[in-house]
Amino acid sequence: MEILQIVGLGLVVCILAIILRVQKPPMATLLSMTAGIIIFLVMMPQIAAVFNVLRDLAGQANVSMVYMGTILKIVGIAYISDFGSQICRDAGEGALASKIEFAAKVIVLIMAVPIIVAVLQSLMKLVS
């Protein structure tokens, strides 16, 4: 049922933004950004619940929490950067959105290095 409320909010804000864009474009952009942030905050408990389930499963599977934490951080970076870049695009700042996406990719690459090293070390042990 929550999706109906989110879609309803999105549609109402969309209609208001279209109307406002004719007379006060900055207000329309601000309204859209505010609605996006509200939707993000409403979804945070669900995201946290998924992370908790994944953390519990990792514990049961004896997967190192260091690696699981890194993977969850990478997923979080992907979602947050995508959200931020979409807000920038909505505000007409496509170039800034691209820079946010680039920075997120670099950060993900840096964070993934320890996992890649661990996988390669495991493969080397299997081969030896």
N, C-alpha and C. Protein backbone atom coordinates (compact mmCIF):
# COMPACT_ATOMS: atom_id res chain seq x y z
N MET A 1 0.81 -1.21 0.00
CA MET A 1 0.00 0.00 0.00
C MET A 1 0.85 1.27 0.00
N GLU A 2 2.04 1.16 0.55
CA GLU A 2 2.90 2.33 0.62
C GLU A 2 3.24 2.86 -0.77
N ILE A 3 3.34 1.98 -1.74
CA ILE A 3 3.67 2.43 -3.09
C ILE A 3 2.56 3.33 -3.65
N LEU A 4 1.32 3.06 -3.28
CA LEU A 4 0.23 3.92 -3.74
C LEU A 4 0.37 5.33 -3.19
N GLN A 5 0.79 5.45 -1.93
CA GLN A 5 1.00 6.77 -1.33
C GLN A 5 2.16 7.49 -2.01
N ILE A 6 3.22 6.75 -2.29
CA ILE A 6 4.39 7.36 -2.93
C ILE A 6 4.05 7.81 -4.34
N VAL A 7 3.37 6.96 -5.10
CA VAL A 7 2.97 7.33 -6.46
C VAL A 7 1.99 8.50 -6.42
N GLY A 8 1.07 8.48 -5.47
CA GLY A 8 0.12 9.59 -5.32
C GLY A 8 0.84 10.90 -5.04
N LEU A 9 1.80 10.86 -4.11
CA LEU A 9 2.59 12.05 -3.82
C LEU A 9 3.34 12.51 -5.07
N GLY A 10 3.93 11.56 -5.77
CA GLY A 10 4.67 11.90 -6.98
C GLY A 10 3.80 12.55 -8.04
N LEU A 11 2.62 12.01 -8.24
CA LEU A 11 1.72 12.58 -9.25
C LEU A 11 1.23 13.98 -8.87
N VAL A 12 0.88 14.15 -7.59
CA VAL A 12 0.42 15.47 -7.13
C VAL A 12 1.54 16.50 -7.29
N VAL A 13 2.75 16.13 -6.88
CA VAL A 13 3.88 17.05 -7.00
C VAL A 13 4.19 17.32 -8.46
N CYS A 14 4.06 16.31 -9.30
CA CYS A 14 4.31 16.49 -10.73
C CYS A 14 3.33 17.51 -11.33
N ILE A 15 2.08 17.37 -11.00
CA ILE A 15 1.07 18.30 -11.52
C ILE A 15 1.34 19.71 -11.00
N LEU A 16 1.64 19.83 -9.69
CA LEU A 16 1.94 21.14 -9.13
C LEU A 16 3.20 21.74 -9.76
N ALA A 17 4.19 20.92 -10.01
CA ALA A 17 5.43 21.41 -10.62
C ALA A 17 5.18 21.91 -12.04
N ILE A 18 4.34 21.21 -12.77
CA ILE A 18 4.01 21.64 -14.14
C ILE A 18 3.33 23.01 -14.11
N ILE A 19 2.41 23.17 -13.16
CA ILE A 19 1.70 24.45 -13.04
C ILE A 19 2.66 25.55 -12.60
N LEU A 20 3.50 25.25 -11.61
CA LEU A 20 4.44 26.25 -11.09
C LEU A 20 5.53 26.61 -12.09
N ARG A 21 5.91 25.67 -12.92
CA ARG A 21 7.02 25.89 -13.84
C ARG A 21 6.73 27.04 -14.80
N VAL A 22 5.46 27.28 -15.08
CA VAL A 22 5.09 28.38 -15.98
C VAL A 22 5.35 29.73 -15.33
N GLN A 23 5.00 29.84 -14.03
CA GLN A 23 5.11 31.13 -13.36
C GLN A 23 6.38 31.28 -12.54
N LYS A 24 6.78 30.23 -11.83
CA LYS A 24 7.95 30.31 -10.94
C LYS A 24 8.80 29.05 -11.08
N PRO A 25 9.62 28.97 -12.12
CA PRO A 25 10.44 27.77 -12.35
C PRO A 25 11.31 27.35 -11.16
N PRO A 26 11.94 28.29 -10.44
CA PRO A 26 12.76 27.83 -9.30
C PRO A 26 11.93 27.12 -8.23
N MET A 27 10.72 27.59 -8.01
CA MET A 27 9.85 26.95 -7.02
C MET A 27 9.45 25.55 -7.46
N ALA A 28 9.24 25.37 -8.75
CA ALA A 28 8.88 24.05 -9.27
C ALA A 28 10.03 23.07 -9.05
N THR A 29 11.25 23.53 -9.31
CA THR A 29 12.42 22.68 -9.10
C THR A 29 12.58 22.34 -7.63
N LEU A 30 12.42 23.33 -6.77
CA LEU A 30 12.53 23.10 -5.32
C LEU A 30 11.45 22.13 -4.84
N LEU A 31 10.26 22.26 -5.36
CA LEU A 31 9.17 21.35 -4.99
C LEU A 31 9.50 19.92 -5.40
N SER A 32 10.00 19.74 -6.60
CA SER A 32 10.37 18.41 -7.08
C SER A 32 11.48 17.81 -6.23
N MET A 33 12.47 18.62 -5.92
CA MET A 33 13.59 18.13 -5.11
C MET A 33 13.12 17.74 -3.71
N THR A 34 12.25 18.55 -3.13
CA THR A 34 11.73 18.26 -1.80
C THR A 34 10.93 16.96 -1.80
N ALA A 35 10.11 16.77 -2.81
CA ALA A 35 9.34 15.53 -2.90
C ALA A 35 10.26 14.32 -3.05
N GLY A 36 11.30 14.47 -3.84
CA GLY A 36 12.27 13.38 -3.99
C GLY A 36 12.94 13.02 -2.69
N ILE A 37 13.31 14.03 -1.91
CA ILE A 37 13.95 13.78 -0.62
C ILE A 37 12.97 13.12 0.34
N ILE A 38 11.73 13.55 0.33
CA ILE A 38 10.71 12.94 1.20
C ILE A 38 10.53 11.48 0.84
N ILE A 39 10.45 11.17 -0.44
CA ILE A 39 10.30 9.78 -0.88
C ILE A 39 11.51 8.95 -0.43
N PHE A 40 12.70 9.52 -0.57
CA PHE A 40 13.91 8.82 -0.14
C PHE A 40 13.86 8.53 1.36
N LEU A 41 13.47 9.53 2.15
CA LEU A 41 13.41 9.34 3.60
C LEU A 41 12.34 8.33 4.01
N VAL A 42 11.24 8.30 3.28
CA VAL A 42 10.18 7.32 3.56
C VAL A 42 10.68 5.90 3.30
N MET A 43 11.55 5.74 2.31
CA MET A 43 12.05 4.42 1.95
C MET A 43 13.21 3.94 2.82
N MET A 44 13.81 4.82 3.60
CA MET A 44 14.96 4.45 4.41
C MET A 44 14.71 3.27 5.35
N PRO A 45 13.57 3.19 6.04
CA PRO A 45 13.36 2.02 6.91
C PRO A 45 13.33 0.69 6.13
N GLN A 46 12.77 0.70 4.93
CA GLN A 46 12.75 -0.52 4.12
C GLN A 46 14.15 -0.90 3.68
N ILE A 47 14.94 0.09 3.31
CA ILE A 47 16.31 -0.17 2.90
C ILE A 47 17.10 -0.73 4.08
N ALA A 48 16.91 -0.14 5.25
CA ALA A 48 17.60 -0.62 6.45
C ALA A 48 17.20 -2.05 6.78
N ALA A 49 15.93 -2.38 6.58
CA ALA A 49 15.47 -3.75 6.85
C ALA A 49 16.14 -4.75 5.92
N VAL A 50 16.28 -4.39 4.66
CA VAL A 50 16.96 -5.28 3.70
C VAL A 50 18.41 -5.47 4.10
N PHE A 51 19.08 -4.39 4.49
CA PHE A 51 20.47 -4.49 4.92
C PHE A 51 20.61 -5.39 6.14
N ASN A 52 19.67 -5.29 7.07
CA ASN A 52 19.71 -6.13 8.27
C ASN A 52 19.55 -7.61 7.92
N VAL A 53 18.65 -7.92 7.00
CA VAL A 53 18.47 -9.30 6.57
C VAL A 53 19.74 -9.82 5.91
N LEU A 54 20.33 -9.02 5.04
CA LEU A 54 21.57 -9.44 4.38
C LEU A 54 22.70 -9.63 5.39
N ARG A 55 22.77 -8.77 6.39
CA ARG A 55 23.79 -8.90 7.43
C ARG A 55 23.59 -10.20 8.22
N ASP A 56 22.34 -10.51 8.54
CA ASP A 56 22.05 -11.76 9.26
C ASP A 56 22.41 -12.98 8.42
N LEU A 57 22.08 -12.95 7.13
CA LEU A 57 22.41 -14.06 6.24
C LEU A 57 23.92 -14.23 6.12
N ALA A 58 24.64 -13.13 6.06
CA ALA A 58 26.10 -13.20 5.98
C ALA A 58 26.66 -13.84 7.25
N GLY A 59 26.09 -13.51 8.39
CA GLY A 59 26.52 -14.11 9.64
C GLY A 59 26.28 -15.60 9.67
N GLN A 60 25.14 -16.04 9.16
CA GLN A 60 24.81 -17.46 9.13
C GLN A 60 25.69 -18.22 8.14
N ALA A 61 26.11 -17.54 7.07
CA ALA A 61 26.93 -18.19 6.05
C ALA A 61 28.42 -18.07 6.35
N ASN A 62 28.76 -17.50 7.50
CA ASN A 62 30.16 -17.30 7.90
C ASN A 62 30.95 -16.47 6.90
N VAL A 63 30.28 -15.50 6.30
CA VAL A 63 30.96 -14.56 5.41
C VAL A 63 31.48 -13.43 6.28
N SER A 64 32.72 -13.02 6.05
CA SER A 64 33.32 -11.96 6.85
C SER A 64 32.47 -10.69 6.76
N MET A 65 32.21 -10.11 7.93
CA MET A 65 31.40 -8.89 7.96
C MET A 65 32.13 -7.72 7.31
N VAL A 66 33.45 -7.79 7.22
CA VAL A 66 34.20 -6.74 6.54
C VAL A 66 33.78 -6.70 5.07
N TYR A 67 33.72 -7.86 4.45
CA TYR A 67 33.35 -7.91 3.03
C TYR A 67 31.87 -7.58 2.84
N MET A 68 31.04 -8.10 3.73
CA MET A 68 29.60 -7.83 3.61
C MET A 68 29.33 -6.35 3.83
N GLY A 69 30.01 -5.76 4.81
CA GLY A 69 29.85 -4.32 5.05
C GLY A 69 30.27 -3.51 3.84
N THR A 70 31.36 -3.92 3.22
CA THR A 70 31.83 -3.21 2.03
C THR A 70 30.82 -3.31 0.89
N ILE A 71 30.28 -4.50 0.71
CA ILE A 71 29.29 -4.68 -0.36
C ILE A 71 28.05 -3.83 -0.09
N LEU A 72 27.60 -3.80 1.15
CA LEU A 72 26.43 -2.98 1.49
C LEU A 72 26.73 -1.49 1.30
N LYS A 73 27.93 -1.07 1.63
CA LYS A 73 28.32 0.33 1.40
C LYS A 73 28.32 0.65 -0.08
N ILE A 74 28.80 -0.28 -0.89
CA ILE A 74 28.82 -0.07 -2.34
C ILE A 74 27.40 0.08 -2.88
N VAL A 75 26.49 -0.77 -2.40
CA VAL A 75 25.09 -0.66 -2.83
C VAL A 75 24.52 0.68 -2.41
N GLY A 76 24.83 1.09 -1.18
CA GLY A 76 24.35 2.38 -0.70
C GLY A 76 24.89 3.54 -1.52
N ILE A 77 26.16 3.47 -1.86
CA ILE A 77 26.76 4.52 -2.70
C ILE A 77 26.06 4.58 -4.05
N ALA A 78 25.77 3.41 -4.61
CA ALA A 78 25.11 3.38 -5.92
C ALA A 78 23.72 4.04 -5.85
N TYR A 79 22.96 3.70 -4.82
CA TYR A 79 21.61 4.28 -4.70
C TYR A 79 21.66 5.77 -4.42
N ILE A 80 22.51 6.18 -3.49
CA ILE A 80 22.57 7.59 -3.12
C ILE A 80 23.08 8.44 -4.28
N SER A 81 24.11 7.96 -4.98
CA SER A 81 24.64 8.74 -6.10
C SER A 81 23.62 8.82 -7.24
N ASP A 82 22.90 7.73 -7.48
CA ASP A 82 21.87 7.76 -8.52
C ASP A 82 20.78 8.76 -8.15
N PHE A 83 20.38 8.74 -6.89
CA PHE A 83 19.35 9.66 -6.41
C PHE A 83 19.82 11.10 -6.57
N GLY A 84 21.05 11.39 -6.14
CA GLY A 84 21.59 12.74 -6.26
C GLY A 84 21.73 13.19 -7.69
N SER A 85 22.19 12.30 -8.56
CA SER A 85 22.35 12.69 -9.96
C SER A 85 21.00 12.93 -10.63
N GLN A 86 19.98 12.16 -10.25
CA GLN A 86 18.65 12.40 -10.81
C GLN A 86 18.10 13.75 -10.37
N ILE A 87 18.35 14.11 -9.11
CA ILE A 87 17.91 15.43 -8.64
C ILE A 87 18.61 16.53 -9.44
N CYS A 88 19.90 16.36 -9.67
CA CYS A 88 20.64 17.35 -10.46
C CYS A 88 20.09 17.44 -11.88
N ARG A 89 19.77 16.30 -12.47
CA ARG A 89 19.20 16.32 -13.83
C ARG A 89 17.85 17.01 -13.83
N ASP A 90 17.03 16.76 -12.80
CA ASP A 90 15.73 17.43 -12.71
C ASP A 90 15.89 18.94 -12.61
N ALA A 91 16.99 19.36 -11.98
CA ALA A 91 17.24 20.79 -11.82
C ALA A 91 17.93 21.38 -13.06
N GLY A 92 18.16 20.56 -14.08
CA GLY A 92 18.77 21.04 -15.30
C GLY A 92 20.29 21.05 -15.27
N GLU A 93 20.87 20.36 -14.31
CA GLU A 93 22.32 20.32 -14.17
C GLU A 93 22.86 18.95 -14.56
N GLY A 94 22.75 18.63 -15.84
CA GLY A 94 23.19 17.34 -16.35
C GLY A 94 24.68 17.11 -16.18
N ALA A 95 25.48 18.18 -16.35
CA ALA A 95 26.93 18.04 -16.22
C ALA A 95 27.30 17.68 -14.78
N LEU A 96 26.68 18.32 -13.82
CA LEU A 96 26.94 18.01 -12.41
C LEU A 96 26.50 16.59 -12.08
N ALA A 97 25.38 16.16 -12.65
CA ALA A 97 24.90 14.79 -12.44
C ALA A 97 25.93 13.78 -12.93
N SER A 98 26.53 14.07 -14.08
CA SER A 98 27.56 13.18 -14.61
C SER A 98 28.78 13.12 -13.70
N LYS A 99 29.13 14.24 -13.10
CA LYS A 99 30.29 14.27 -12.19
C LYS A 99 30.00 13.46 -10.93
N ILE A 100 28.78 13.53 -10.43
CA ILE A 100 28.39 12.74 -9.26
C ILE A 100 28.50 11.25 -9.59
N GLU A 101 28.00 10.87 -10.76
CA GLU A 101 28.07 9.46 -11.17
C GLU A 101 29.51 9.00 -11.32
N PHE A 102 30.36 9.86 -11.89
CA PHE A 102 31.78 9.52 -12.05
C PHE A 102 32.43 9.31 -10.69
N ALA A 103 32.19 10.23 -9.76
CA ALA A 103 32.77 10.12 -8.43
C ALA A 103 32.31 8.84 -7.74
N ALA A 104 31.05 8.50 -7.90
CA ALA A 104 30.53 7.27 -7.28
C ALA A 104 31.22 6.04 -7.87
N LYS A 105 31.45 6.03 -9.16
CA LYS A 105 32.12 4.90 -9.79
C LYS A 105 33.54 4.74 -9.27
N VAL A 106 34.23 5.86 -9.10
CA VAL A 106 35.60 5.80 -8.57
C VAL A 106 35.59 5.28 -7.14
N ILE A 107 34.68 5.78 -6.32
CA ILE A 107 34.59 5.34 -4.93
C ILE A 107 34.26 3.85 -4.85
N VAL A 108 33.34 3.39 -5.69
CA VAL A 108 33.00 1.96 -5.71
C VAL A 108 34.21 1.13 -6.11
N LEU A 109 34.94 1.59 -7.11
CA LEU A 109 36.14 0.87 -7.54
C LEU A 109 37.15 0.77 -6.41
N ILE A 110 37.38 1.87 -5.71
CA ILE A 110 38.32 1.88 -4.60
C ILE A 110 37.85 0.92 -3.49
N MET A 111 36.56 0.95 -3.18
CA MET A 111 36.04 0.09 -2.12
C MET A 111 36.06 -1.38 -2.51
N ALA A 112 35.99 -1.67 -3.81
CA ALA A 112 35.94 -3.05 -4.26
C ALA A 112 37.31 -3.72 -4.30
N VAL A 113 38.38 -2.93 -4.25
CA VAL A 113 39.73 -3.51 -4.36
C VAL A 113 40.00 -4.58 -3.31
N PRO A 114 39.69 -4.37 -2.02
CA PRO A 114 39.95 -5.44 -1.05
C PRO A 114 39.18 -6.74 -1.34
N ILE A 115 37.98 -6.60 -1.84
CA ILE A 115 37.19 -7.79 -2.18
C ILE A 115 37.81 -8.51 -3.37
N ILE A 116 38.23 -7.76 -4.37
CA ILE A 116 38.87 -8.36 -5.55
C ILE A 116 40.15 -9.07 -5.14
N VAL A 117 40.94 -8.44 -4.26
CA VAL A 117 42.17 -9.06 -3.78
C VAL A 117 41.86 -10.36 -3.04
N ALA A 118 40.84 -10.35 -2.18
CA ALA A 118 40.48 -11.56 -1.44
C ALA A 118 40.04 -12.68 -2.37
N VAL A 119 39.27 -12.34 -3.39
CA VAL A 119 38.82 -13.35 -4.36
C VAL A 119 40.02 -13.93 -5.11
N LEU A 120 40.92 -13.06 -5.55
CA LEU A 120 42.10 -13.54 -6.27
C LEU A 120 42.99 -14.40 -5.37
N GLN A 121 43.13 -14.03 -4.10
CA GLN A 121 43.92 -14.85 -3.17
C GLN A 121 43.28 -16.21 -2.96
N SER A 122 41.97 -16.24 -2.88
CA SER A 122 41.27 -17.52 -2.74
C SER A 122 41.47 -18.39 -3.97
N LEU A 123 41.43 -17.78 -5.14
CA LEU A 123 41.66 -18.53 -6.38
C LEU A 123 43.10 -19.06 -6.43
N MET A 124 44.04 -18.25 -5.99
CA MET A 124 45.43 -18.69 -5.98
C MET A 124 45.63 -19.89 -5.03
N LYS A 125 44.94 -19.89 -3.90
CA LYS A 125 45.01 -21.00 -2.96
C LYS A 125 44.42 -22.27 -3.57
N LEU A 126 43.34 -22.12 -4.33
CA LEU A 126 42.72 -23.27 -4.97
C LEU A 126 43.62 -23.86 -6.07
N VAL A 127 44.29 -22.99 -6.79
CA VAL A 127 45.15 -23.41 -7.88
C VAL A 127 46.44 -24.08 -7.35
N SER A 128 46.96 -23.58 -6.23
CA SER A 128 48.22 -24.10 -5.67
C SER A 128 48.06 -25.48 -5.10
